[in-house]
């Protein structure tokens, strides 16, 4: 919602502007077809790699605070339009499954809009549950209903 690319950039800037998170790399920016809830505009997605002193739960608190500051509310449609959506996809090789945080992200291996940008950064990252590379997951994905194009 709103100025999608600006919202993303401001969110990443807010995440990396303090002492706790440092931007290491980022993927290309993509326009991506909605998945699950289809009756909406395409999204803007990209992946960033950060170095952080925060543990995963503190990082989650930080990204949720950034989303709220950007105007995101909890009353939206699941998978629907939102001002900003920051997800923790991976945290080193950690596997974590709690009521409010699952790492690696539980649907990442099914999402072209996640795997393609990760592969821009490093296609050889190993998924800590499936024990295969991101490139292999991307190649195995049937993404016929998940169109993606470089944002220009």
N, C-alpha and C. Protein backbone atom coordinates (compact mmCIF):
# COMPACT_ATOMS: atom_id res chain seq x y z
N UNK A 1 0.84 -1.17 0.00
CA UNK A 1 0.00 0.00 0.00
C UNK A 1 0.89 1.24 0.00
N UNK A 2 0.44 2.27 -0.60
CA UNK A 2 1.22 3.49 -0.65
C UNK A 2 2.36 3.38 -1.64
N UNK A 3 3.43 4.08 -1.38
CA UNK A 3 4.61 4.04 -2.23
C UNK A 3 5.44 2.82 -1.84
N UNK A 4 5.21 1.72 -2.53
CA UNK A 4 5.74 0.42 -2.13
C UNK A 4 7.25 0.39 -1.99
N UNK A 5 7.95 0.84 -3.02
CA UNK A 5 9.40 0.79 -2.96
C UNK A 5 9.94 1.71 -1.86
N UNK A 6 9.38 2.90 -1.74
CA UNK A 6 9.80 3.81 -0.67
C UNK A 6 9.55 3.20 0.70
N UNK A 7 8.40 2.55 0.88
CA UNK A 7 8.09 1.92 2.16
C UNK A 7 9.14 0.86 2.50
N UNK A 8 9.50 0.05 1.50
CA UNK A 8 10.52 -0.99 1.71
C UNK A 8 11.86 -0.36 2.08
N UNK A 9 12.26 0.63 1.32
CA UNK A 9 13.55 1.27 1.58
C UNK A 9 13.59 1.92 2.96
N UNK A 10 12.51 2.58 3.33
CA UNK A 10 12.45 3.21 4.66
C UNK A 10 12.48 2.15 5.76
N UNK A 11 11.83 1.02 5.53
CA UNK A 11 11.85 -0.06 6.52
C UNK A 11 13.24 -0.62 6.72
N UNK A 12 13.96 -0.87 5.63
CA UNK A 12 15.32 -1.39 5.72
C UNK A 12 16.24 -0.34 6.33
N UNK A 13 16.04 0.90 5.97
CA UNK A 13 16.84 1.97 6.56
C UNK A 13 16.63 2.05 8.07
N UNK A 14 15.37 1.94 8.50
CA UNK A 14 15.08 1.95 9.94
C UNK A 14 15.74 0.76 10.64
N UNK A 15 15.74 -0.37 9.98
CA UNK A 15 16.33 -1.58 10.57
C UNK A 15 17.85 -1.43 10.72
N UNK A 16 18.48 -0.82 9.74
CA UNK A 16 19.95 -0.79 9.71
C UNK A 16 20.55 0.54 10.16
N UNK A 17 19.73 1.46 10.62
CA UNK A 17 20.26 2.79 10.99
C UNK A 17 20.86 2.82 12.40
N UNK A 18 20.51 1.86 13.22
CA UNK A 18 21.06 1.84 14.59
C UNK A 18 22.33 1.02 14.68
N UNK A 19 22.70 0.70 15.89
CA UNK A 19 23.93 -0.05 16.15
C UNK A 19 23.73 -1.56 16.11
N UNK A 20 22.48 -2.03 16.06
CA UNK A 20 22.22 -3.46 16.20
C UNK A 20 22.21 -4.25 14.90
N UNK A 21 22.00 -3.59 13.77
CA UNK A 21 21.90 -4.29 12.49
C UNK A 21 22.68 -3.53 11.42
N UNK A 22 23.46 -4.27 10.67
CA UNK A 22 24.25 -3.67 9.60
C UNK A 22 23.92 -4.37 8.29
N UNK A 23 23.64 -3.58 7.26
CA UNK A 23 23.34 -4.13 5.94
C UNK A 23 24.61 -4.69 5.32
N UNK A 24 24.54 -5.96 4.90
CA UNK A 24 25.68 -6.63 4.28
C UNK A 24 25.49 -6.71 2.76
N UNK A 25 24.26 -7.04 2.34
CA UNK A 25 24.00 -7.21 0.90
C UNK A 25 22.50 -7.11 0.68
N UNK A 26 22.12 -6.90 -0.57
CA UNK A 26 20.70 -6.94 -0.91
C UNK A 26 20.52 -7.43 -2.33
N UNK A 27 19.36 -8.01 -2.57
CA UNK A 27 19.02 -8.55 -3.88
C UNK A 27 18.56 -7.43 -4.80
N UNK A 28 18.28 -7.80 -6.03
CA UNK A 28 17.54 -6.92 -6.91
C UNK A 28 16.15 -6.71 -6.32
N UNK A 29 15.46 -5.70 -6.79
CA UNK A 29 14.09 -5.43 -6.36
C UNK A 29 13.16 -6.02 -7.41
N UNK A 30 12.08 -6.66 -6.94
CA UNK A 30 11.15 -7.33 -7.85
C UNK A 30 9.72 -6.88 -7.62
N UNK A 31 8.96 -6.86 -8.72
CA UNK A 31 7.50 -6.78 -8.66
C UNK A 31 7.02 -8.22 -8.66
N UNK A 32 6.13 -8.56 -7.74
CA UNK A 32 5.73 -9.96 -7.61
C UNK A 32 4.22 -10.11 -7.52
N UNK A 33 3.75 -11.11 -8.21
CA UNK A 33 2.33 -11.43 -8.22
C UNK A 33 1.91 -11.91 -6.83
N UNK A 34 0.74 -11.48 -6.36
CA UNK A 34 0.27 -11.96 -5.06
C UNK A 34 0.03 -13.47 -5.06
N UNK A 35 0.28 -14.08 -3.92
CA UNK A 35 0.07 -15.50 -3.70
C UNK A 35 -0.97 -15.64 -2.60
N UNK A 36 -1.81 -16.64 -2.69
CA UNK A 36 -2.87 -16.94 -1.71
C UNK A 36 -4.05 -15.97 -1.86
N UNK A 37 -3.92 -14.73 -1.48
CA UNK A 37 -5.00 -13.74 -1.67
C UNK A 37 -4.67 -12.97 -2.95
N UNK A 38 -5.33 -13.35 -4.05
CA UNK A 38 -4.95 -12.87 -5.39
C UNK A 38 -5.57 -11.52 -5.78
N UNK A 39 -6.67 -11.13 -5.17
CA UNK A 39 -7.41 -9.95 -5.58
C UNK A 39 -6.78 -8.68 -5.00
N UNK A 40 -5.58 -8.37 -5.48
CA UNK A 40 -4.86 -7.19 -5.02
C UNK A 40 -3.75 -6.87 -6.02
N UNK A 41 -3.17 -5.72 -5.86
CA UNK A 41 -2.07 -5.28 -6.72
C UNK A 41 -0.82 -6.12 -6.45
N UNK A 42 0.09 -6.10 -7.40
CA UNK A 42 1.36 -6.81 -7.22
C UNK A 42 2.17 -6.15 -6.09
N UNK A 43 3.05 -6.94 -5.49
CA UNK A 43 3.89 -6.48 -4.39
C UNK A 43 5.26 -6.04 -4.92
N UNK A 44 6.00 -5.36 -4.07
CA UNK A 44 7.42 -5.11 -4.28
C UNK A 44 8.15 -5.92 -3.22
N UNK A 45 9.11 -6.73 -3.67
CA UNK A 45 9.85 -7.59 -2.75
C UNK A 45 11.34 -7.56 -3.04
N UNK A 46 12.11 -7.66 -2.02
CA UNK A 46 13.53 -7.94 -2.13
C UNK A 46 14.02 -8.48 -0.81
N UNK A 47 15.23 -9.01 -0.82
CA UNK A 47 15.81 -9.63 0.34
C UNK A 47 17.07 -8.87 0.71
N UNK A 48 17.28 -8.70 2.00
CA UNK A 48 18.52 -8.11 2.49
C UNK A 48 19.20 -9.10 3.42
N UNK A 49 20.50 -9.04 3.40
CA UNK A 49 21.32 -9.81 4.34
C UNK A 49 21.87 -8.81 5.34
N UNK A 50 21.66 -9.10 6.61
CA UNK A 50 22.15 -8.20 7.65
C UNK A 50 23.06 -8.97 8.61
N UNK A 51 23.88 -8.22 9.29
CA UNK A 51 24.63 -8.72 10.44
C UNK A 51 23.99 -8.05 11.65
N UNK A 52 23.69 -8.83 12.69
CA UNK A 52 23.00 -8.25 13.83
C UNK A 52 23.53 -8.77 15.16
N UNK A 53 23.44 -7.93 16.16
CA UNK A 53 23.76 -8.34 17.53
C UNK A 53 22.50 -8.80 18.25
N UNK A 54 21.35 -8.68 17.60
CA UNK A 54 20.08 -9.05 18.21
C UNK A 54 19.84 -10.55 18.10
N UNK A 55 19.27 -11.13 19.12
CA UNK A 55 18.82 -12.52 19.02
C UNK A 55 17.56 -12.52 18.17
N UNK A 56 17.11 -13.67 17.70
CA UNK A 56 15.94 -13.71 16.79
C UNK A 56 14.68 -13.06 17.36
N UNK A 57 14.42 -13.21 18.65
CA UNK A 57 13.21 -12.63 19.23
C UNK A 57 13.30 -11.12 19.33
N UNK A 58 14.47 -10.61 19.66
CA UNK A 58 14.66 -9.15 19.67
C UNK A 58 14.59 -8.58 18.27
N UNK A 59 15.13 -9.32 17.31
CA UNK A 59 15.03 -8.89 15.91
C UNK A 59 13.57 -8.86 15.47
N UNK A 60 12.80 -9.86 15.85
CA UNK A 60 11.36 -9.87 15.53
C UNK A 60 10.66 -8.66 16.16
N UNK A 61 10.95 -8.37 17.42
CA UNK A 61 10.36 -7.20 18.07
C UNK A 61 10.72 -5.92 17.30
N UNK A 62 11.94 -5.85 16.84
CA UNK A 62 12.40 -4.67 16.10
C UNK A 62 11.65 -4.53 14.78
N UNK A 63 11.55 -5.61 14.00
CA UNK A 63 10.87 -5.50 12.70
C UNK A 63 9.38 -5.22 12.88
N UNK A 64 8.77 -5.78 13.90
CA UNK A 64 7.34 -5.50 14.15
C UNK A 64 7.14 -4.03 14.53
N UNK A 65 8.06 -3.48 15.30
CA UNK A 65 7.98 -2.07 15.67
C UNK A 65 8.14 -1.18 14.44
N UNK A 66 9.05 -1.55 13.54
CA UNK A 66 9.24 -0.79 12.30
C UNK A 66 7.98 -0.85 11.45
N UNK A 67 7.37 -2.02 11.35
CA UNK A 67 6.11 -2.16 10.58
C UNK A 67 5.02 -1.27 11.16
N UNK A 68 4.87 -1.27 12.50
CA UNK A 68 3.85 -0.43 13.13
C UNK A 68 4.13 1.05 12.88
N UNK A 69 5.41 1.44 12.97
CA UNK A 69 5.77 2.84 12.72
C UNK A 69 5.47 3.27 11.29
N UNK A 70 5.52 2.30 10.37
CA UNK A 70 5.21 2.58 8.96
C UNK A 70 3.71 2.66 8.71
N UNK A 71 2.91 2.27 9.71
CA UNK A 71 1.46 2.34 9.57
C UNK A 71 0.76 1.01 9.43
N UNK A 72 1.48 -0.08 9.60
CA UNK A 72 0.85 -1.40 9.49
C UNK A 72 -0.01 -1.66 10.72
N UNK A 73 -1.19 -2.20 10.49
CA UNK A 73 -2.09 -2.55 11.58
C UNK A 73 -2.34 -4.05 11.58
N UNK A 74 -2.81 -4.56 12.69
CA UNK A 74 -3.03 -6.00 12.84
C UNK A 74 -4.37 -6.46 12.28
N UNK A 75 -5.19 -5.54 11.81
CA UNK A 75 -6.54 -5.90 11.38
C UNK A 75 -6.67 -6.14 9.88
N UNK A 76 -5.56 -6.30 9.19
CA UNK A 76 -5.60 -6.49 7.74
C UNK A 76 -5.98 -7.92 7.35
N UNK A 77 -6.19 -8.12 6.06
CA UNK A 77 -6.51 -9.43 5.50
C UNK A 77 -5.22 -10.25 5.45
N UNK A 78 -5.29 -11.52 5.91
CA UNK A 78 -4.11 -12.39 5.85
C UNK A 78 -3.66 -12.51 4.40
N UNK A 79 -2.39 -12.26 4.14
CA UNK A 79 -1.77 -12.25 2.82
C UNK A 79 -2.28 -11.11 1.95
N UNK A 80 -3.02 -10.17 2.55
CA UNK A 80 -3.58 -9.05 1.80
C UNK A 80 -2.62 -7.87 1.74
N UNK A 81 -3.11 -6.76 1.19
CA UNK A 81 -2.27 -5.57 1.07
C UNK A 81 -1.84 -5.05 2.44
N UNK A 82 -0.62 -4.56 2.52
CA UNK A 82 -0.11 -3.98 3.75
C UNK A 82 0.95 -2.95 3.40
N UNK A 83 1.16 -2.02 4.31
CA UNK A 83 2.11 -0.94 4.09
C UNK A 83 3.53 -1.49 4.02
N UNK A 84 3.86 -2.41 4.91
CA UNK A 84 5.21 -2.95 5.02
C UNK A 84 5.15 -4.33 5.66
N UNK A 85 5.91 -5.25 5.12
CA UNK A 85 5.98 -6.60 5.68
C UNK A 85 7.44 -7.03 5.69
N UNK A 86 8.02 -7.04 6.87
CA UNK A 86 9.41 -7.47 7.04
C UNK A 86 9.40 -8.85 7.68
N UNK A 87 10.03 -9.81 7.04
CA UNK A 87 10.07 -11.17 7.56
C UNK A 87 11.50 -11.60 7.83
N UNK A 88 11.67 -12.39 8.86
CA UNK A 88 12.94 -13.06 9.11
C UNK A 88 12.86 -14.39 8.37
N UNK A 89 13.62 -14.52 7.33
CA UNK A 89 13.58 -15.71 6.49
C UNK A 89 14.53 -16.77 7.04
N UNK A 90 15.74 -16.37 7.30
CA UNK A 90 16.77 -17.25 7.87
C UNK A 90 17.50 -16.48 8.96
N UNK A 91 18.05 -17.21 9.90
CA UNK A 91 18.92 -16.61 10.92
C UNK A 91 20.06 -17.61 11.10
N UNK A 92 21.16 -17.34 10.37
CA UNK A 92 22.27 -18.28 10.28
C UNK A 92 21.70 -19.65 9.90
N UNK A 93 22.11 -20.71 10.57
CA UNK A 93 21.59 -22.06 10.27
C UNK A 93 20.58 -22.49 11.33
N UNK A 94 20.00 -21.53 12.03
CA UNK A 94 19.10 -21.81 13.13
C UNK A 94 17.78 -22.43 12.65
N UNK A 95 17.28 -23.36 13.44
CA UNK A 95 15.94 -23.91 13.26
C UNK A 95 15.21 -23.63 14.56
N UNK A 96 14.09 -22.93 14.45
CA UNK A 96 13.33 -22.47 15.61
C UNK A 96 11.86 -22.57 15.29
N UNK A 97 11.08 -23.10 16.22
CA UNK A 97 9.63 -23.23 15.99
C UNK A 97 8.90 -22.89 17.28
N UNK A 98 8.45 -21.64 17.38
CA UNK A 98 7.70 -21.19 18.55
C UNK A 98 6.36 -20.65 18.07
N UNK A 99 5.53 -20.26 19.01
CA UNK A 99 4.19 -19.77 18.64
C UNK A 99 4.24 -18.45 17.88
N UNK A 100 5.27 -17.65 18.07
CA UNK A 100 5.32 -16.37 17.37
C UNK A 100 6.49 -16.20 16.41
N UNK A 101 7.36 -17.21 16.30
CA UNK A 101 8.49 -17.10 15.38
C UNK A 101 8.92 -18.49 14.92
N UNK A 102 8.97 -18.66 13.60
CA UNK A 102 9.44 -19.90 13.00
C UNK A 102 10.57 -19.55 12.04
N UNK A 103 11.72 -20.16 12.26
CA UNK A 103 12.90 -19.97 11.42
C UNK A 103 13.43 -21.35 11.05
N UNK A 104 13.69 -21.61 9.77
CA UNK A 104 13.48 -20.73 8.64
C UNK A 104 11.99 -20.46 8.40
N UNK A 105 11.72 -19.39 7.68
CA UNK A 105 10.33 -19.03 7.40
C UNK A 105 9.62 -20.26 6.82
N UNK A 106 8.46 -20.61 7.36
CA UNK A 106 7.82 -21.89 7.01
C UNK A 106 7.33 -22.03 5.57
N UNK A 107 7.17 -20.93 4.85
CA UNK A 107 6.70 -21.02 3.46
C UNK A 107 7.76 -20.58 2.45
N UNK A 108 8.96 -20.30 2.91
CA UNK A 108 9.98 -19.75 2.00
C UNK A 108 10.26 -20.66 0.82
N UNK A 109 10.25 -21.96 1.02
CA UNK A 109 10.58 -22.90 -0.05
C UNK A 109 9.48 -23.01 -1.10
N UNK A 110 8.33 -22.38 -0.82
CA UNK A 110 7.20 -22.38 -1.76
C UNK A 110 7.03 -21.03 -2.45
N UNK A 111 7.91 -20.10 -2.18
CA UNK A 111 7.73 -18.72 -2.63
C UNK A 111 8.84 -18.28 -3.59
N UNK A 112 8.45 -18.11 -4.85
CA UNK A 112 9.39 -17.61 -5.85
C UNK A 112 9.93 -16.25 -5.43
N UNK A 113 9.06 -15.40 -4.86
CA UNK A 113 9.45 -14.05 -4.49
C UNK A 113 10.40 -14.01 -3.30
N UNK A 114 10.62 -15.13 -2.65
CA UNK A 114 11.62 -15.24 -1.59
C UNK A 114 12.90 -15.89 -2.13
N UNK A 115 12.73 -17.01 -2.82
CA UNK A 115 13.90 -17.77 -3.28
C UNK A 115 14.72 -17.03 -4.33
N UNK A 116 14.05 -16.39 -5.29
CA UNK A 116 14.79 -15.68 -6.34
C UNK A 116 15.68 -14.59 -5.77
N UNK A 117 15.17 -13.71 -4.90
CA UNK A 117 16.05 -12.69 -4.32
C UNK A 117 17.15 -13.26 -3.43
N UNK A 118 16.86 -14.33 -2.69
CA UNK A 118 17.92 -14.95 -1.89
C UNK A 118 19.03 -15.43 -2.81
N UNK A 119 18.66 -16.03 -3.93
CA UNK A 119 19.66 -16.52 -4.88
C UNK A 119 20.46 -15.39 -5.51
N UNK A 120 19.89 -14.20 -5.60
CA UNK A 120 20.66 -13.04 -6.05
C UNK A 120 21.85 -12.79 -5.12
N UNK A 121 21.62 -12.98 -3.84
CA UNK A 121 22.65 -12.74 -2.84
C UNK A 121 23.62 -13.91 -2.76
N UNK A 122 23.06 -15.12 -2.60
CA UNK A 122 23.92 -16.31 -2.49
C UNK A 122 23.08 -17.56 -2.76
N UNK A 123 23.17 -18.12 -3.95
CA UNK A 123 22.38 -19.30 -4.30
C UNK A 123 22.83 -20.57 -3.58
N UNK A 124 23.99 -20.52 -2.93
CA UNK A 124 24.52 -21.70 -2.26
C UNK A 124 24.19 -21.77 -0.78
N UNK A 125 23.39 -20.84 -0.28
CA UNK A 125 22.94 -20.93 1.11
C UNK A 125 22.17 -22.24 1.27
N UNK A 126 22.44 -22.94 2.34
CA UNK A 126 21.79 -24.22 2.61
C UNK A 126 20.56 -24.00 3.49
N UNK A 127 19.43 -24.53 3.07
CA UNK A 127 18.23 -24.50 3.91
C UNK A 127 18.48 -25.45 5.07
N UNK A 128 18.37 -24.96 6.31
CA UNK A 128 18.75 -25.78 7.46
C UNK A 128 17.82 -26.95 7.78
N UNK A 129 16.65 -26.99 7.19
CA UNK A 129 15.74 -28.13 7.39
C UNK A 129 15.83 -29.11 6.23
N UNK A 130 15.78 -28.59 5.00
CA UNK A 130 15.78 -29.45 3.82
C UNK A 130 17.19 -29.85 3.38
N UNK A 131 18.20 -29.20 3.95
CA UNK A 131 19.60 -29.50 3.67
C UNK A 131 19.91 -29.48 2.17
N UNK A 132 19.40 -28.47 1.51
CA UNK A 132 19.66 -28.27 0.10
C UNK A 132 19.85 -26.78 -0.15
N UNK A 133 20.44 -26.43 -1.28
CA UNK A 133 20.72 -25.02 -1.55
C UNK A 133 19.45 -24.26 -1.95
N UNK A 134 19.53 -22.97 -1.81
CA UNK A 134 18.43 -22.11 -2.24
C UNK A 134 18.23 -22.25 -3.74
N UNK A 135 19.32 -22.38 -4.49
CA UNK A 135 19.21 -22.55 -5.94
C UNK A 135 18.44 -23.82 -6.28
N UNK A 136 18.70 -24.90 -5.58
CA UNK A 136 17.97 -26.15 -5.83
C UNK A 136 16.50 -26.01 -5.50
N UNK A 137 16.20 -25.34 -4.40
CA UNK A 137 14.80 -25.10 -4.05
C UNK A 137 14.11 -24.27 -5.12
N UNK A 138 14.80 -23.25 -5.61
CA UNK A 138 14.24 -22.40 -6.67
C UNK A 138 13.99 -23.20 -7.94
N UNK A 139 14.95 -24.00 -8.33
CA UNK A 139 14.80 -24.81 -9.55
C UNK A 139 13.69 -25.84 -9.43
N UNK A 140 13.44 -26.34 -8.24
CA UNK A 140 12.40 -27.36 -8.02
C UNK A 140 11.01 -26.77 -7.87
N UNK A 141 10.93 -25.46 -7.74
CA UNK A 141 9.65 -24.81 -7.47
C UNK A 141 8.81 -24.69 -8.74
N UNK A 142 7.56 -25.09 -8.65
CA UNK A 142 6.61 -24.84 -9.74
C UNK A 142 5.99 -23.48 -9.47
N UNK A 143 6.51 -22.46 -10.11
CA UNK A 143 6.10 -21.09 -9.83
C UNK A 143 5.25 -20.51 -10.95
N UNK A 144 4.47 -21.35 -11.62
CA UNK A 144 3.68 -20.86 -12.75
C UNK A 144 2.66 -19.81 -12.33
N UNK A 145 2.21 -19.86 -11.09
CA UNK A 145 1.24 -18.86 -10.62
C UNK A 145 1.91 -17.82 -9.72
N UNK A 146 3.23 -17.69 -9.85
CA UNK A 146 3.97 -16.73 -9.03
C UNK A 146 4.88 -15.89 -9.94
N UNK A 147 4.27 -15.12 -10.79
CA UNK A 147 5.08 -14.30 -11.70
C UNK A 147 5.90 -13.26 -10.92
N UNK A 148 7.07 -13.01 -11.47
CA UNK A 148 8.00 -12.09 -10.83
C UNK A 148 8.78 -11.38 -11.93
N UNK A 149 9.01 -10.09 -11.75
CA UNK A 149 9.81 -9.37 -12.74
C UNK A 149 10.64 -8.32 -12.01
N UNK A 150 11.79 -8.04 -12.58
CA UNK A 150 12.67 -7.04 -11.97
C UNK A 150 11.95 -5.69 -11.98
N UNK A 151 12.02 -5.01 -10.85
CA UNK A 151 11.41 -3.69 -10.70
C UNK A 151 12.27 -2.67 -11.42
N UNK A 152 11.63 -1.90 -12.29
CA UNK A 152 12.40 -0.89 -13.04
C UNK A 152 11.75 0.45 -12.90
